[in-house]
N, C-alpha and C. Protein backbone atom coordinates (compact mmCIF):
# COMPACT_ATOMS: atom_id res chain seq x y z
N MET A 1 0.83 -1.17 0.00
CA MET A 1 0.00 0.00 0.00
C MET A 1 0.88 1.24 0.00
N ALA A 2 0.61 2.13 -0.93
CA ALA A 2 1.43 3.32 -1.07
C ALA A 2 0.97 4.40 -0.10
N VAL A 3 1.95 5.12 0.43
CA VAL A 3 1.65 6.21 1.34
C VAL A 3 1.83 7.52 0.57
N TYR A 4 0.79 8.33 0.59
CA TYR A 4 0.82 9.60 -0.13
C TYR A 4 0.99 10.76 0.85
N SER A 5 1.75 11.73 0.44
CA SER A 5 1.86 12.94 1.25
C SER A 5 0.64 13.81 0.98
N MET A 6 0.42 14.79 1.80
CA MET A 6 -0.72 15.69 1.64
C MET A 6 -0.62 16.44 0.31
N GLU A 7 0.58 16.81 -0.06
CA GLU A 7 0.77 17.54 -1.31
C GLU A 7 0.40 16.67 -2.51
N LYS A 8 0.84 15.41 -2.51
CA LYS A 8 0.50 14.50 -3.61
C LYS A 8 -0.99 14.22 -3.64
N THR A 9 -1.58 14.08 -2.46
CA THR A 9 -3.02 13.82 -2.40
C THR A 9 -3.80 15.01 -2.94
N ALA A 10 -3.42 16.21 -2.54
CA ALA A 10 -4.11 17.42 -3.02
C ALA A 10 -3.95 17.56 -4.53
N ARG A 11 -2.76 17.28 -5.04
CA ARG A 11 -2.52 17.36 -6.48
C ARG A 11 -3.38 16.33 -7.23
N GLU A 12 -3.49 15.13 -6.68
CA GLU A 12 -4.30 14.07 -7.31
C GLU A 12 -5.78 14.44 -7.28
N VAL A 13 -6.25 15.01 -6.18
CA VAL A 13 -7.65 15.44 -6.10
C VAL A 13 -7.92 16.55 -7.12
N ALA A 14 -7.01 17.50 -7.24
CA ALA A 14 -7.18 18.59 -8.21
C ALA A 14 -7.18 18.05 -9.64
N ARG A 15 -6.29 17.09 -9.91
CA ARG A 15 -6.23 16.49 -11.25
C ARG A 15 -7.53 15.77 -11.58
N ARG A 16 -8.04 15.02 -10.62
CA ARG A 16 -9.29 14.28 -10.83
C ARG A 16 -10.48 15.23 -11.01
N GLU A 17 -10.49 16.31 -10.23
CA GLU A 17 -11.56 17.29 -10.36
C GLU A 17 -11.54 17.93 -11.75
N THR A 18 -10.35 18.27 -12.22
CA THR A 18 -10.22 18.84 -13.56
C THR A 18 -10.71 17.86 -14.61
N PHE A 19 -10.36 16.59 -14.46
CA PHE A 19 -10.81 15.57 -15.40
C PHE A 19 -12.33 15.46 -15.42
N LEU A 20 -12.94 15.43 -14.23
CA LEU A 20 -14.39 15.30 -14.15
C LEU A 20 -15.10 16.53 -14.72
N ARG A 21 -14.56 17.72 -14.45
CA ARG A 21 -15.17 18.94 -15.00
C ARG A 21 -15.08 18.95 -16.52
N ARG A 22 -13.94 18.55 -17.06
CA ARG A 22 -13.80 18.51 -18.52
C ARG A 22 -14.75 17.51 -19.14
N SER A 23 -14.90 16.33 -18.52
CA SER A 23 -15.83 15.34 -19.08
C SER A 23 -17.25 15.87 -19.04
N TRP A 24 -17.65 16.52 -17.96
CA TRP A 24 -18.99 17.09 -17.86
C TRP A 24 -19.18 18.16 -18.92
N PHE A 25 -18.16 19.01 -19.11
CA PHE A 25 -18.24 20.07 -20.10
C PHE A 25 -18.37 19.49 -21.50
N ARG A 26 -17.60 18.44 -21.80
CA ARG A 26 -17.68 17.80 -23.12
C ARG A 26 -19.05 17.20 -23.36
N ARG A 27 -19.62 16.55 -22.35
CA ARG A 27 -20.96 15.97 -22.50
C ARG A 27 -21.98 17.07 -22.74
N LYS A 28 -21.84 18.16 -22.02
CA LYS A 28 -22.77 19.27 -22.17
C LYS A 28 -22.67 19.88 -23.58
N ILE A 29 -21.45 20.08 -24.06
CA ILE A 29 -21.24 20.62 -25.41
C ILE A 29 -21.79 19.66 -26.46
N ALA A 30 -21.58 18.37 -26.28
CA ALA A 30 -22.08 17.38 -27.24
C ALA A 30 -23.61 17.41 -27.28
N GLY A 31 -24.24 17.49 -26.13
CA GLY A 31 -25.70 17.54 -26.07
C GLY A 31 -26.24 18.80 -26.72
N LEU A 32 -25.62 19.93 -26.44
CA LEU A 32 -26.06 21.18 -27.05
C LEU A 32 -25.82 21.20 -28.56
N SER A 33 -24.73 20.58 -29.00
CA SER A 33 -24.47 20.50 -30.44
C SER A 33 -25.52 19.65 -31.14
N ALA A 34 -25.86 18.53 -30.52
CA ALA A 34 -26.89 17.66 -31.10
C ALA A 34 -28.24 18.39 -31.15
N LEU A 35 -28.58 19.07 -30.08
CA LEU A 35 -29.83 19.83 -30.04
C LEU A 35 -29.83 20.92 -31.11
N SER A 36 -28.71 21.59 -31.29
CA SER A 36 -28.60 22.63 -32.31
C SER A 36 -28.78 22.04 -33.71
N ALA A 37 -28.19 20.88 -33.95
CA ALA A 37 -28.35 20.25 -35.27
C ALA A 37 -29.80 19.86 -35.52
N VAL A 38 -30.46 19.33 -34.49
CA VAL A 38 -31.87 18.95 -34.64
C VAL A 38 -32.72 20.18 -34.92
N LEU A 39 -32.46 21.26 -34.21
CA LEU A 39 -33.22 22.49 -34.44
C LEU A 39 -32.97 23.05 -35.84
N CYS A 40 -31.75 22.96 -36.32
CA CYS A 40 -31.42 23.44 -37.66
C CYS A 40 -32.19 22.64 -38.72
N VAL A 41 -32.20 21.32 -38.57
CA VAL A 41 -32.93 20.48 -39.52
C VAL A 41 -34.42 20.78 -39.44
N THR A 42 -34.94 20.95 -38.23
CA THR A 42 -36.36 21.27 -38.06
C THR A 42 -36.71 22.60 -38.72
N LEU A 43 -35.87 23.61 -38.54
CA LEU A 43 -36.12 24.90 -39.17
C LEU A 43 -36.10 24.78 -40.69
N THR A 44 -35.15 24.02 -41.21
CA THR A 44 -35.06 23.85 -42.65
C THR A 44 -36.31 23.18 -43.20
N VAL A 45 -36.77 22.14 -42.51
CA VAL A 45 -37.98 21.45 -42.95
C VAL A 45 -39.19 22.38 -42.85
N CYS A 46 -39.28 23.13 -41.77
CA CYS A 46 -40.40 24.06 -41.61
C CYS A 46 -40.38 25.14 -42.68
N PHE A 47 -39.19 25.66 -43.01
CA PHE A 47 -39.11 26.66 -44.06
C PHE A 47 -39.59 26.08 -45.39
N GLY A 48 -39.20 24.85 -45.66
CA GLY A 48 -39.64 24.21 -46.89
C GLY A 48 -41.14 24.00 -46.92
N TYR A 49 -41.70 23.62 -45.78
CA TYR A 49 -43.13 23.35 -45.70
C TYR A 49 -43.95 24.63 -45.76
N PHE A 50 -43.58 25.61 -44.96
CA PHE A 50 -44.35 26.85 -44.90
C PHE A 50 -43.98 27.83 -46.01
N GLY A 51 -42.90 27.56 -46.71
CA GLY A 51 -42.50 28.44 -47.80
C GLY A 51 -43.45 28.37 -48.98
N ARG A 52 -44.11 27.25 -49.11
CA ARG A 52 -45.11 27.13 -50.16
C ARG A 52 -46.29 28.02 -49.80
N SER A 53 -47.11 28.29 -50.78
CA SER A 53 -48.27 29.15 -50.49
C SER A 53 -49.22 28.42 -49.54
N ALA A 54 -49.83 29.16 -48.65
CA ALA A 54 -50.76 28.60 -47.67
C ALA A 54 -52.02 28.14 -48.38
N PRO A 55 -52.64 27.08 -47.89
CA PRO A 55 -53.89 26.64 -48.49
C PRO A 55 -54.94 27.73 -48.38
N PRO A 56 -55.85 27.80 -49.31
CA PRO A 56 -56.85 28.87 -49.29
C PRO A 56 -57.72 28.86 -48.05
N SER A 57 -57.85 27.73 -47.37
CA SER A 57 -58.72 27.68 -46.20
C SER A 57 -58.07 28.34 -44.97
N VAL A 58 -56.76 28.58 -45.01
CA VAL A 58 -56.05 29.18 -43.87
C VAL A 58 -55.72 30.63 -44.22
N PRO A 59 -56.32 31.58 -43.55
CA PRO A 59 -55.99 32.98 -43.83
C PRO A 59 -54.54 33.27 -43.45
N ALA A 60 -53.90 34.13 -44.20
CA ALA A 60 -52.48 34.43 -43.99
C ALA A 60 -52.23 35.06 -42.63
N LEU A 61 -53.19 35.79 -42.09
CA LEU A 61 -52.96 36.47 -40.82
C LEU A 61 -52.95 35.53 -39.63
N THR A 62 -53.46 34.30 -39.78
CA THR A 62 -53.45 33.36 -38.66
C THR A 62 -52.13 32.65 -38.53
N VAL A 63 -51.29 32.70 -39.52
CA VAL A 63 -50.00 32.03 -39.49
C VAL A 63 -48.93 33.11 -39.34
N TYR A 64 -48.86 33.70 -38.16
CA TYR A 64 -47.98 34.85 -37.93
C TYR A 64 -46.52 34.55 -38.22
N GLY A 65 -46.07 33.37 -37.86
CA GLY A 65 -44.66 33.04 -38.05
C GLY A 65 -44.25 32.90 -39.49
N THR A 66 -45.20 32.70 -40.39
CA THR A 66 -44.84 32.48 -41.79
C THR A 66 -45.07 33.70 -42.65
N ILE A 67 -45.43 34.82 -42.09
CA ILE A 67 -45.66 36.03 -42.88
C ILE A 67 -44.36 36.44 -43.57
N LEU A 68 -43.22 36.27 -42.87
CA LEU A 68 -41.94 36.63 -43.47
C LEU A 68 -41.57 35.72 -44.64
N LEU A 69 -42.15 34.53 -44.68
CA LEU A 69 -41.81 33.60 -45.74
C LEU A 69 -42.55 33.89 -47.03
N GLY A 70 -43.57 34.71 -46.99
CA GLY A 70 -44.30 35.07 -48.20
C GLY A 70 -43.54 36.12 -48.99
N GLY A 71 -43.74 36.16 -50.27
CA GLY A 71 -43.13 37.18 -51.11
C GLY A 71 -41.64 37.03 -51.29
N GLY A 72 -41.10 35.85 -51.16
CA GLY A 72 -39.68 35.63 -51.43
C GLY A 72 -38.75 36.00 -50.31
N ALA A 73 -39.24 36.28 -49.12
CA ALA A 73 -38.36 36.66 -48.00
C ALA A 73 -37.80 35.44 -47.28
N GLY A 74 -38.28 34.26 -47.61
CA GLY A 74 -37.84 33.04 -46.92
C GLY A 74 -36.35 32.79 -47.04
N GLY A 75 -35.79 33.08 -48.19
CA GLY A 75 -34.35 32.90 -48.37
C GLY A 75 -33.54 33.79 -47.46
N TYR A 76 -34.01 35.02 -47.28
CA TYR A 76 -33.30 35.95 -46.39
C TYR A 76 -33.38 35.49 -44.93
N VAL A 77 -34.54 35.00 -44.55
CA VAL A 77 -34.70 34.50 -43.17
C VAL A 77 -33.79 33.29 -42.95
N LEU A 78 -33.79 32.38 -43.91
CA LEU A 78 -32.94 31.19 -43.79
C LEU A 78 -31.46 31.58 -43.75
N ALA A 79 -31.07 32.53 -44.59
CA ALA A 79 -29.67 33.00 -44.58
C ALA A 79 -29.32 33.62 -43.23
N GLY A 80 -30.25 34.36 -42.64
CA GLY A 80 -30.00 34.95 -41.33
C GLY A 80 -29.84 33.91 -40.24
N VAL A 81 -30.67 32.88 -40.27
CA VAL A 81 -30.57 31.81 -39.27
C VAL A 81 -29.26 31.06 -39.44
N ILE A 82 -28.89 30.76 -40.67
CA ILE A 82 -27.63 30.04 -40.91
C ILE A 82 -26.44 30.90 -40.49
N ALA A 83 -26.48 32.20 -40.77
CA ALA A 83 -25.39 33.08 -40.36
C ALA A 83 -25.27 33.14 -38.84
N PHE A 84 -26.41 33.18 -38.16
CA PHE A 84 -26.38 33.19 -36.69
C PHE A 84 -25.78 31.91 -36.16
N MET A 85 -26.20 30.77 -36.71
CA MET A 85 -25.68 29.48 -36.24
C MET A 85 -24.18 29.37 -36.51
N ALA A 86 -23.73 29.85 -37.67
CA ALA A 86 -22.30 29.82 -37.98
C ALA A 86 -21.53 30.70 -37.00
N GLY A 87 -22.05 31.87 -36.70
CA GLY A 87 -21.40 32.76 -35.74
C GLY A 87 -21.33 32.16 -34.36
N ALA A 88 -22.40 31.51 -33.94
CA ALA A 88 -22.40 30.87 -32.63
C ALA A 88 -21.40 29.72 -32.59
N GLY A 89 -21.31 28.96 -33.67
CA GLY A 89 -20.34 27.86 -33.72
C GLY A 89 -18.91 28.35 -33.69
N ILE A 90 -18.62 29.39 -34.44
CA ILE A 90 -17.26 29.95 -34.46
C ILE A 90 -16.91 30.52 -33.09
N THR A 91 -17.86 31.19 -32.45
CA THR A 91 -17.62 31.73 -31.11
C THR A 91 -17.33 30.61 -30.12
N ALA A 92 -18.11 29.53 -30.17
CA ALA A 92 -17.88 28.40 -29.27
C ALA A 92 -16.51 27.79 -29.51
N ALA A 93 -16.11 27.66 -30.78
CA ALA A 93 -14.79 27.10 -31.09
C ALA A 93 -13.67 28.00 -30.56
N CYS A 94 -13.82 29.31 -30.70
CA CYS A 94 -12.80 30.24 -30.20
C CYS A 94 -12.70 30.18 -28.68
N ILE A 95 -13.83 30.09 -28.00
CA ILE A 95 -13.81 29.99 -26.54
C ILE A 95 -13.15 28.70 -26.10
N ARG A 96 -13.44 27.61 -26.82
CA ARG A 96 -12.82 26.33 -26.48
C ARG A 96 -11.31 26.38 -26.68
N MET A 97 -10.86 26.99 -27.77
CA MET A 97 -9.42 27.10 -28.01
C MET A 97 -8.75 27.96 -26.94
N GLN A 98 -9.40 29.04 -26.55
CA GLN A 98 -8.84 29.92 -25.52
C GLN A 98 -8.75 29.18 -24.18
N THR A 99 -9.77 28.39 -23.86
CA THR A 99 -9.76 27.63 -22.61
C THR A 99 -8.64 26.60 -22.61
N LYS A 100 -8.45 25.93 -23.73
CA LYS A 100 -7.37 24.94 -23.82
C LYS A 100 -6.01 25.60 -23.68
N LYS A 101 -5.88 26.79 -24.27
CA LYS A 101 -4.62 27.50 -24.18
C LYS A 101 -4.33 27.88 -22.72
N LYS A 102 -5.36 28.35 -22.00
CA LYS A 102 -5.19 28.71 -20.59
C LYS A 102 -4.85 27.49 -19.76
N ASP A 103 -5.53 26.36 -20.03
CA ASP A 103 -5.25 25.13 -19.29
C ASP A 103 -3.81 24.68 -19.51
N GLY A 104 -3.32 24.82 -20.74
CA GLY A 104 -1.93 24.44 -21.04
C GLY A 104 -0.95 25.31 -20.29
N LYS A 105 -1.22 26.61 -20.21
CA LYS A 105 -0.34 27.51 -19.48
C LYS A 105 -0.36 27.22 -17.97
N ASN A 106 -1.54 26.88 -17.44
CA ASN A 106 -1.66 26.57 -16.02
C ASN A 106 -0.90 25.31 -15.69
N LYS A 107 -0.93 24.30 -16.57
CA LYS A 107 -0.19 23.05 -16.33
C LYS A 107 1.31 23.31 -16.34
N GLU A 108 1.76 24.15 -17.27
CA GLU A 108 3.20 24.48 -17.34
C GLU A 108 3.65 25.19 -16.07
N GLU A 109 2.81 26.08 -15.53
CA GLU A 109 3.16 26.80 -14.31
C GLU A 109 3.19 25.86 -13.12
N GLU A 110 2.26 24.89 -13.07
CA GLU A 110 2.22 23.95 -11.95
C GLU A 110 3.44 23.03 -11.98
N GLU A 111 3.89 22.63 -13.17
CA GLU A 111 5.02 21.73 -13.29
C GLU A 111 6.33 22.42 -12.94
N SER A 112 6.39 23.74 -13.13
CA SER A 112 7.64 24.49 -12.86
C SER A 112 7.93 24.57 -11.39
């Protein structure tokens, strides 16, 4: 049975905590990414469905969310949604890279 000093024990606890936090963060990011992909596909399908002209039995004023899709504006709305999603993805990637860079610097300082 190995005997650990308080310093080694504290370092091991901190290492394990970091590992658990990173795994939780990765699971959270994966879940949010999957949800984002599902929402993107749903929006695309909805745009395709509601982009067609409404049936004559449904007055245009009752379908408030699709008013923008009439008259050729659907492409602009879709482009806006895609641009927003791309911006959010790029922002998330930049934050992740910055966090990894900080973690790398912190490990170097701890080892010194």
